[in-house]
Amino acid sequence: QVQLVESGGGSVQAGGSLRLSCPTSGVTYRGRAGCIGWFRQAPGQEREAVASIYSLNSNTYYADSVKGRFTISQDDAKSTVFLQLNNLKPEDTAIYYCAATAWYRDISPCRTVVAGDGGDGDFITWGQGTQVTVSS
């Protein structure tokens, strides 16, 4: 079964930065991977989507909680999706997961998932997560 493998997590102080990576070569078809999302889950809290990117045109979407601090991007080969985390806060502490929709999906899951309108079920391939810990 195809899985995504996240990397780049770690422990930083508040105000610090991290860059998470998610190779997507296992879920692409002719360079297209549908919508790739970054999600996070803190202990005792529900999972939330923080950012998404549509691989076909690189349109990006963000949750309000991270807008202006996190940046999602993909490399020119569309084989890796990144999440740059800047100005980190203790409340950003969580396990971060990347996930992908089927490669042929339209852009709508990218929009709905970060708006909190559901849509997690459209993401069919998940990674095992990478821990991000931010100390004050």
N, C-alpha and C. Protein backbone atom coordinates (compact mmCIF):
# COMPACT_ATOMS: atom_id res chain seq x y z
N GLN A 1 0.85 -1.18 0.00
CA GLN A 1 0.00 0.00 0.00
C GLN A 1 0.89 1.24 0.00
N VAL A 2 0.58 2.18 -0.88
CA VAL A 2 1.38 3.39 -0.99
C VAL A 2 1.18 4.24 0.26
N GLN A 3 2.26 4.76 0.77
CA GLN A 3 2.20 5.69 1.88
C GLN A 3 3.09 6.86 1.58
N LEU A 4 2.74 7.99 2.16
CA LEU A 4 3.61 9.14 2.09
C LEU A 4 4.51 9.14 3.32
N VAL A 5 5.69 9.71 3.18
CA VAL A 5 6.65 9.72 4.30
C VAL A 5 7.09 11.14 4.56
N GLU A 6 6.60 11.71 5.65
CA GLU A 6 6.95 13.07 5.99
C GLU A 6 8.32 13.11 6.67
N SER A 7 8.98 14.25 6.57
CA SER A 7 10.23 14.46 7.30
C SER A 7 10.37 15.94 7.62
N GLY A 8 11.28 16.25 8.51
CA GLY A 8 11.59 17.64 8.80
C GLY A 8 11.08 18.16 10.14
N GLY A 9 10.35 17.33 10.86
CA GLY A 9 9.86 17.78 12.15
C GLY A 9 11.01 17.92 13.15
N GLY A 10 10.70 18.48 14.31
CA GLY A 10 11.71 18.66 15.34
C GLY A 10 11.21 19.54 16.46
N SER A 11 12.14 19.94 17.31
CA SER A 11 11.82 20.80 18.45
C SER A 11 12.49 22.15 18.26
N VAL A 12 11.70 23.20 18.40
CA VAL A 12 12.22 24.56 18.25
C VAL A 12 11.61 25.44 19.33
N GLN A 13 12.22 26.58 19.52
CA GLN A 13 11.64 27.57 20.42
C GLN A 13 10.64 28.44 19.67
N ALA A 14 9.78 29.06 20.42
CA ALA A 14 8.80 29.96 19.82
C ALA A 14 9.50 31.00 18.97
N GLY A 15 8.93 31.26 17.79
CA GLY A 15 9.54 32.18 16.86
C GLY A 15 10.44 31.51 15.85
N GLY A 16 10.74 30.23 16.08
CA GLY A 16 11.62 29.51 15.17
C GLY A 16 10.91 29.02 13.93
N SER A 17 11.67 28.30 13.10
CA SER A 17 11.17 27.82 11.81
C SER A 17 11.52 26.36 11.60
N LEU A 18 10.71 25.69 10.83
CA LEU A 18 10.98 24.33 10.37
C LEU A 18 10.47 24.20 8.95
N ARG A 19 11.01 23.23 8.22
CA ARG A 19 10.53 22.94 6.88
C ARG A 19 10.22 21.46 6.78
N LEU A 20 8.98 21.16 6.55
CA LEU A 20 8.54 19.78 6.42
C LEU A 20 8.52 19.39 4.94
N SER A 21 8.84 18.13 4.67
CA SER A 21 8.85 17.63 3.30
C SER A 21 7.96 16.41 3.17
N CYS A 22 7.40 16.25 1.98
CA CYS A 22 6.52 15.12 1.71
C CYS A 22 6.72 14.69 0.26
N PRO A 23 7.56 13.69 -0.01
CA PRO A 23 7.71 13.19 -1.38
C PRO A 23 6.41 12.59 -1.88
N THR A 24 6.01 12.96 -3.08
CA THR A 24 4.71 12.52 -3.59
C THR A 24 4.83 11.63 -4.82
N SER A 25 6.01 11.13 -5.10
CA SER A 25 6.19 10.36 -6.34
C SER A 25 5.33 9.11 -6.35
N GLY A 26 4.96 8.62 -5.19
CA GLY A 26 4.16 7.41 -5.15
C GLY A 26 2.69 7.61 -5.45
N VAL A 27 2.26 8.86 -5.54
CA VAL A 27 0.84 9.11 -5.75
C VAL A 27 0.59 9.96 -6.99
N THR A 28 1.58 10.08 -7.85
CA THR A 28 1.42 10.92 -9.03
C THR A 28 1.08 10.08 -10.25
N TYR A 29 0.48 10.73 -11.22
CA TYR A 29 0.25 10.13 -12.53
C TYR A 29 0.56 11.22 -13.54
N ARG A 30 1.59 11.01 -14.33
CA ARG A 30 2.03 12.03 -15.27
C ARG A 30 2.28 13.36 -14.56
N GLY A 31 2.89 13.27 -13.40
CA GLY A 31 3.25 14.46 -12.65
C GLY A 31 2.12 15.10 -11.88
N ARG A 32 0.95 14.54 -11.95
CA ARG A 32 -0.19 15.14 -11.26
C ARG A 32 -0.53 14.31 -10.03
N ALA A 33 -0.78 14.98 -8.94
CA ALA A 33 -1.08 14.27 -7.70
C ALA A 33 -2.33 14.79 -7.05
N GLY A 34 -3.22 15.43 -7.78
CA GLY A 34 -4.46 15.91 -7.19
C GLY A 34 -4.18 16.98 -6.18
N CYS A 35 -4.82 16.89 -5.04
CA CYS A 35 -4.63 17.85 -3.97
C CYS A 35 -3.77 17.21 -2.88
N ILE A 36 -2.74 17.92 -2.45
CA ILE A 36 -1.92 17.49 -1.33
C ILE A 36 -2.20 18.42 -0.15
N GLY A 37 -2.47 17.84 0.98
CA GLY A 37 -2.76 18.65 2.16
C GLY A 37 -1.81 18.35 3.30
N TRP A 38 -1.56 19.36 4.11
CA TRP A 38 -0.86 19.16 5.38
C TRP A 38 -1.89 19.31 6.50
N PHE A 39 -1.90 18.34 7.37
CA PHE A 39 -2.81 18.31 8.50
C PHE A 39 -1.99 18.25 9.79
N ARG A 40 -2.62 18.56 10.90
CA ARG A 40 -1.95 18.39 12.17
C ARG A 40 -2.94 17.95 13.24
N GLN A 41 -2.41 17.25 14.22
CA GLN A 41 -3.24 16.81 15.33
C GLN A 41 -2.45 16.91 16.61
N ALA A 42 -2.96 17.70 17.53
CA ALA A 42 -2.36 17.84 18.85
C ALA A 42 -3.05 16.87 19.81
N PRO A 43 -2.38 16.49 20.88
CA PRO A 43 -2.99 15.55 21.83
C PRO A 43 -4.33 16.06 22.35
N GLY A 44 -5.33 15.21 22.28
CA GLY A 44 -6.64 15.55 22.78
C GLY A 44 -7.45 16.45 21.88
N GLN A 45 -6.92 16.76 20.71
CA GLN A 45 -7.63 17.64 19.80
C GLN A 45 -7.95 16.94 18.49
N GLU A 46 -8.90 17.48 17.76
CA GLU A 46 -9.24 16.92 16.47
C GLU A 46 -8.18 17.29 15.44
N ARG A 47 -8.08 16.44 14.45
CA ARG A 47 -7.15 16.75 13.35
C ARG A 47 -7.68 17.94 12.57
N GLU A 48 -6.79 18.82 12.16
CA GLU A 48 -7.18 19.96 11.34
C GLU A 48 -6.26 20.09 10.15
N ALA A 49 -6.82 20.54 9.04
CA ALA A 49 -6.03 20.82 7.86
C ALA A 49 -5.45 22.22 7.99
N VAL A 50 -4.17 22.38 7.72
CA VAL A 50 -3.55 23.70 7.83
C VAL A 50 -3.23 24.32 6.47
N ALA A 51 -2.97 23.49 5.47
CA ALA A 51 -2.62 24.03 4.16
C ALA A 51 -2.83 22.97 3.10
N SER A 52 -3.09 23.42 1.88
CA SER A 52 -3.24 22.48 0.77
C SER A 52 -2.74 23.12 -0.50
N ILE A 53 -2.38 22.26 -1.46
CA ILE A 53 -1.91 22.73 -2.75
C ILE A 53 -2.45 21.80 -3.82
N TYR A 54 -2.91 22.39 -4.92
CA TYR A 54 -3.39 21.61 -6.04
C TYR A 54 -2.22 21.44 -7.01
N SER A 55 -1.81 20.21 -7.23
CA SER A 55 -0.55 19.98 -7.92
C SER A 55 -0.57 20.45 -9.36
N LEU A 56 -1.75 20.48 -9.99
CA LEU A 56 -1.81 20.84 -11.41
C LEU A 56 -1.43 22.30 -11.63
N ASN A 57 -1.90 23.21 -10.78
CA ASN A 57 -1.64 24.63 -11.02
C ASN A 57 -0.97 25.32 -9.83
N SER A 58 -0.65 24.56 -8.79
CA SER A 58 0.02 25.08 -7.58
C SER A 58 -0.80 26.09 -6.81
N ASN A 59 -2.11 26.12 -7.01
CA ASN A 59 -2.96 26.97 -6.16
C ASN A 59 -2.86 26.49 -4.72
N THR A 60 -2.78 27.44 -3.80
CA THR A 60 -2.60 27.11 -2.39
C THR A 60 -3.74 27.67 -1.54
N TYR A 61 -3.98 26.99 -0.43
CA TYR A 61 -5.04 27.37 0.48
C TYR A 61 -4.54 27.16 1.91
N TYR A 62 -4.99 28.04 2.83
CA TYR A 62 -4.50 28.00 4.21
C TYR A 62 -5.64 28.15 5.21
N ALA A 63 -5.47 27.49 6.34
CA ALA A 63 -6.35 27.74 7.48
C ALA A 63 -6.00 29.10 8.08
N ASP A 64 -6.99 29.77 8.65
CA ASP A 64 -6.76 31.09 9.22
C ASP A 64 -5.68 31.07 10.31
N SER A 65 -5.60 29.96 11.02
CA SER A 65 -4.67 29.87 12.15
C SER A 65 -3.20 29.92 11.73
N VAL A 66 -2.92 29.65 10.47
CA VAL A 66 -1.53 29.62 10.02
C VAL A 66 -1.23 30.59 8.90
N LYS A 67 -2.26 31.28 8.43
CA LYS A 67 -2.09 32.19 7.30
C LYS A 67 -1.04 33.25 7.65
N GLY A 68 -0.11 33.46 6.73
CA GLY A 68 0.94 34.44 6.95
C GLY A 68 2.17 33.88 7.64
N ARG A 69 2.07 32.68 8.21
CA ARG A 69 3.21 32.07 8.90
C ARG A 69 3.68 30.79 8.21
N PHE A 70 2.77 30.03 7.64
CA PHE A 70 3.11 28.78 6.96
C PHE A 70 2.99 28.98 5.46
N THR A 71 3.84 28.29 4.72
CA THR A 71 3.80 28.34 3.26
C THR A 71 3.91 26.93 2.70
N ILE A 72 2.95 26.54 1.89
CA ILE A 72 2.99 25.25 1.21
C ILE A 72 3.47 25.46 -0.21
N SER A 73 4.29 24.56 -0.70
CA SER A 73 4.82 24.70 -2.06
C SER A 73 5.18 23.31 -2.58
N GLN A 74 5.45 23.25 -3.87
CA GLN A 74 5.94 22.01 -4.46
C GLN A 74 7.13 22.33 -5.33
N ASP A 75 8.01 21.36 -5.51
CA ASP A 75 9.18 21.60 -6.33
C ASP A 75 8.80 21.59 -7.80
N ASP A 76 9.73 22.00 -8.66
CA ASP A 76 9.42 22.13 -10.08
C ASP A 76 9.03 20.79 -10.71
N ALA A 77 9.57 19.74 -10.20
CA ALA A 77 9.24 18.42 -10.73
C ALA A 77 7.92 17.89 -10.19
N LYS A 78 7.32 18.64 -9.26
CA LYS A 78 6.06 18.22 -8.62
C LYS A 78 6.21 16.85 -7.97
N SER A 79 7.39 16.61 -7.41
CA SER A 79 7.63 15.32 -6.78
C SER A 79 7.71 15.42 -5.26
N THR A 80 7.76 16.63 -4.75
CA THR A 80 7.83 16.84 -3.31
C THR A 80 7.01 18.07 -2.95
N VAL A 81 6.25 17.95 -1.89
CA VAL A 81 5.50 19.09 -1.35
C VAL A 81 6.13 19.48 -0.02
N PHE A 82 6.29 20.77 0.17
CA PHE A 82 6.92 21.30 1.37
C PHE A 82 5.93 22.11 2.19
N LEU A 83 6.19 22.19 3.46
CA LEU A 83 5.46 23.10 4.33
C LEU A 83 6.49 23.86 5.15
N GLN A 84 6.64 25.14 4.84
CA GLN A 84 7.55 26.00 5.59
C GLN A 84 6.78 26.59 6.77
N LEU A 85 7.30 26.35 7.96
CA LEU A 85 6.66 26.83 9.18
C LEU A 85 7.52 27.93 9.78
N ASN A 86 7.03 29.15 9.77
CA ASN A 86 7.76 30.29 10.33
C ASN A 86 7.01 30.86 11.53
N ASN A 87 7.75 31.59 12.36
CA ASN A 87 7.16 32.24 13.53
C ASN A 87 6.31 31.25 14.32
N LEU A 88 6.90 30.11 14.61
CA LEU A 88 6.16 29.05 15.29
C LEU A 88 5.75 29.45 16.69
N LYS A 89 4.60 28.96 17.11
CA LYS A 89 4.04 29.23 18.43
C LYS A 89 3.85 27.91 19.16
N PRO A 90 3.81 27.94 20.48
CA PRO A 90 3.61 26.69 21.23
C PRO A 90 2.33 25.96 20.81
N GLU A 91 1.31 26.70 20.41
CA GLU A 91 0.06 26.06 19.99
C GLU A 91 0.18 25.36 18.63
N ASP A 92 1.30 25.51 17.96
CA ASP A 92 1.54 24.77 16.71
C ASP A 92 2.07 23.37 17.00
N THR A 93 2.34 23.07 18.25
CA THR A 93 2.85 21.74 18.61
C THR A 93 1.82 20.68 18.25
N ALA A 94 2.25 19.70 17.46
CA ALA A 94 1.34 18.66 16.97
C ALA A 94 2.13 17.67 16.13
N ILE A 95 1.48 16.58 15.78
CA ILE A 95 2.00 15.70 14.73
C ILE A 95 1.45 16.22 13.41
N TYR A 96 2.32 16.41 12.45
CA TYR A 96 1.95 16.93 11.14
C TYR A 96 1.96 15.79 10.13
N TYR A 97 0.88 15.70 9.37
CA TYR A 97 0.71 14.66 8.37
C TYR A 97 0.53 15.30 6.99
N CYS A 98 1.07 14.65 5.97
CA CYS A 98 0.67 15.03 4.62
C CYS A 98 -0.24 13.93 4.08
N ALA A 99 -1.11 14.33 3.19
CA ALA A 99 -2.08 13.40 2.63
C ALA A 99 -2.42 13.85 1.21
N ALA A 100 -2.85 12.90 0.40
CA ALA A 100 -3.15 13.18 -1.00
C ALA A 100 -4.51 12.63 -1.39
N THR A 101 -5.18 13.37 -2.26
CA THR A 101 -6.39 12.83 -2.89
C THR A 101 -5.97 11.94 -4.05
N ALA A 102 -6.91 11.29 -4.68
CA ALA A 102 -6.63 10.58 -5.93
C ALA A 102 -6.12 11.59 -6.95
N TRP A 103 -5.25 11.14 -7.85
CA TRP A 103 -4.58 12.08 -8.76
C TRP A 103 -5.55 12.78 -9.69
N TYR A 104 -6.71 12.20 -9.93
CA TYR A 104 -7.65 12.76 -10.91
C TYR A 104 -8.69 13.69 -10.28
N ARG A 105 -8.58 13.93 -8.96
CA ARG A 105 -9.57 14.77 -8.30
C ARG A 105 -9.45 16.22 -8.73
N ASP A 106 -10.59 16.93 -8.65
CA ASP A 106 -10.59 18.35 -8.95
C ASP A 106 -10.07 19.12 -7.74
N ILE A 107 -10.10 20.44 -7.85
CA ILE A 107 -9.48 21.29 -6.85
C ILE A 107 -10.32 21.44 -5.58
N SER A 108 -11.57 21.07 -5.62
CA SER A 108 -12.47 21.37 -4.50
C SER A 108 -12.02 20.83 -3.14
N PRO A 109 -11.43 19.64 -3.05
CA PRO A 109 -10.98 19.22 -1.70
C PRO A 109 -9.95 20.16 -1.10
N CYS A 110 -9.14 20.78 -1.94
CA CYS A 110 -8.14 21.73 -1.43
C CYS A 110 -8.81 22.88 -0.69
N ARG A 111 -9.92 23.35 -1.24
CA ARG A 111 -10.62 24.50 -0.64
C ARG A 111 -11.37 24.07 0.62
N THR A 112 -12.14 23.04 0.50
CA THR A 112 -13.05 22.69 1.59
C THR A 112 -12.32 22.20 2.83
N VAL A 113 -11.23 21.51 2.65
CA VAL A 113 -10.60 20.90 3.83
C VAL A 113 -9.99 21.96 4.74
N VAL A 114 -9.40 23.02 4.20
CA VAL A 114 -8.82 24.04 5.07
C VAL A 114 -9.87 25.00 5.60
N ALA A 115 -11.04 25.00 4.97
CA ALA A 115 -12.13 25.85 5.47
C ALA A 115 -12.88 25.19 6.62
N GLY A 116 -12.47 23.96 6.95
CA GLY A 116 -13.16 23.26 8.02
C GLY A 116 -14.51 22.72 7.61
N ASP A 117 -14.72 22.57 6.31
CA ASP A 117 -16.00 22.09 5.80
C ASP A 117 -15.98 20.59 5.52
N GLY A 118 -15.13 19.89 6.24
CA GLY A 118 -15.02 18.46 6.01
C GLY A 118 -14.11 18.19 4.82
N GLY A 119 -14.28 17.05 4.22
CA GLY A 119 -13.48 16.71 3.05
C GLY A 119 -12.26 15.89 3.36
N ASP A 120 -12.03 15.58 4.67
CA ASP A 120 -10.88 14.73 4.98
C ASP A 120 -10.96 13.40 4.24
N GLY A 121 -12.18 12.92 4.04
CA GLY A 121 -12.35 11.63 3.40
C GLY A 121 -11.90 11.60 1.96
N ASP A 122 -11.73 12.77 1.33
CA ASP A 122 -11.23 12.81 -0.04
C ASP A 122 -9.74 12.51 -0.11
N PHE A 123 -9.08 12.58 1.03
CA PHE A 123 -7.63 12.32 1.08
C PHE A 123 -7.43 10.85 1.40
N ILE A 124 -6.94 10.11 0.42
CA ILE A 124 -6.94 8.64 0.51
C ILE A 124 -5.58 8.05 0.83
N THR A 125 -4.53 8.82 0.70
CA THR A 125 -3.19 8.34 1.01
C THR A 125 -2.58 9.24 2.07
N TRP A 126 -2.11 8.65 3.15
CA TRP A 126 -1.62 9.41 4.29
C TRP A 126 -0.21 8.97 4.67
N GLY A 127 0.50 9.89 5.30
CA GLY A 127 1.77 9.54 5.90
C GLY A 127 1.57 9.20 7.37
N GLN A 128 2.66 8.83 8.02
CA GLN A 128 2.58 8.46 9.43
C GLN A 128 2.86 9.63 10.36
N GLY A 129 3.24 10.75 9.80
CA GLY A 129 3.36 11.96 10.58
C GLY A 129 4.76 12.25 11.06
N THR A 130 5.00 13.53 11.32
CA THR A 130 6.27 13.99 11.88
C THR A 130 5.95 14.97 13.01
N GLN A 131 6.64 14.80 14.13
CA GLN A 131 6.33 15.59 15.32
C GLN A 131 6.97 16.97 15.23
N VAL A 132 6.17 17.99 15.53
CA VAL A 132 6.67 19.35 15.67
C VAL A 132 6.37 19.80 17.09
N THR A 133 7.41 20.20 17.80
CA THR A 133 7.27 20.66 19.18
C THR A 133 7.85 22.06 19.30
N VAL A 134 7.03 22.97 19.80
CA VAL A 134 7.45 24.36 19.95
C VAL A 134 7.39 24.73 21.43
N SER A 135 8.52 25.12 21.96
CA SER A 135 8.58 25.50 23.38
C SER A 135 8.57 27.02 23.53
N SER A 136 8.01 27.45 24.65
CA SER A 136 7.90 28.91 24.87
C SER A 136 9.15 29.46 25.52
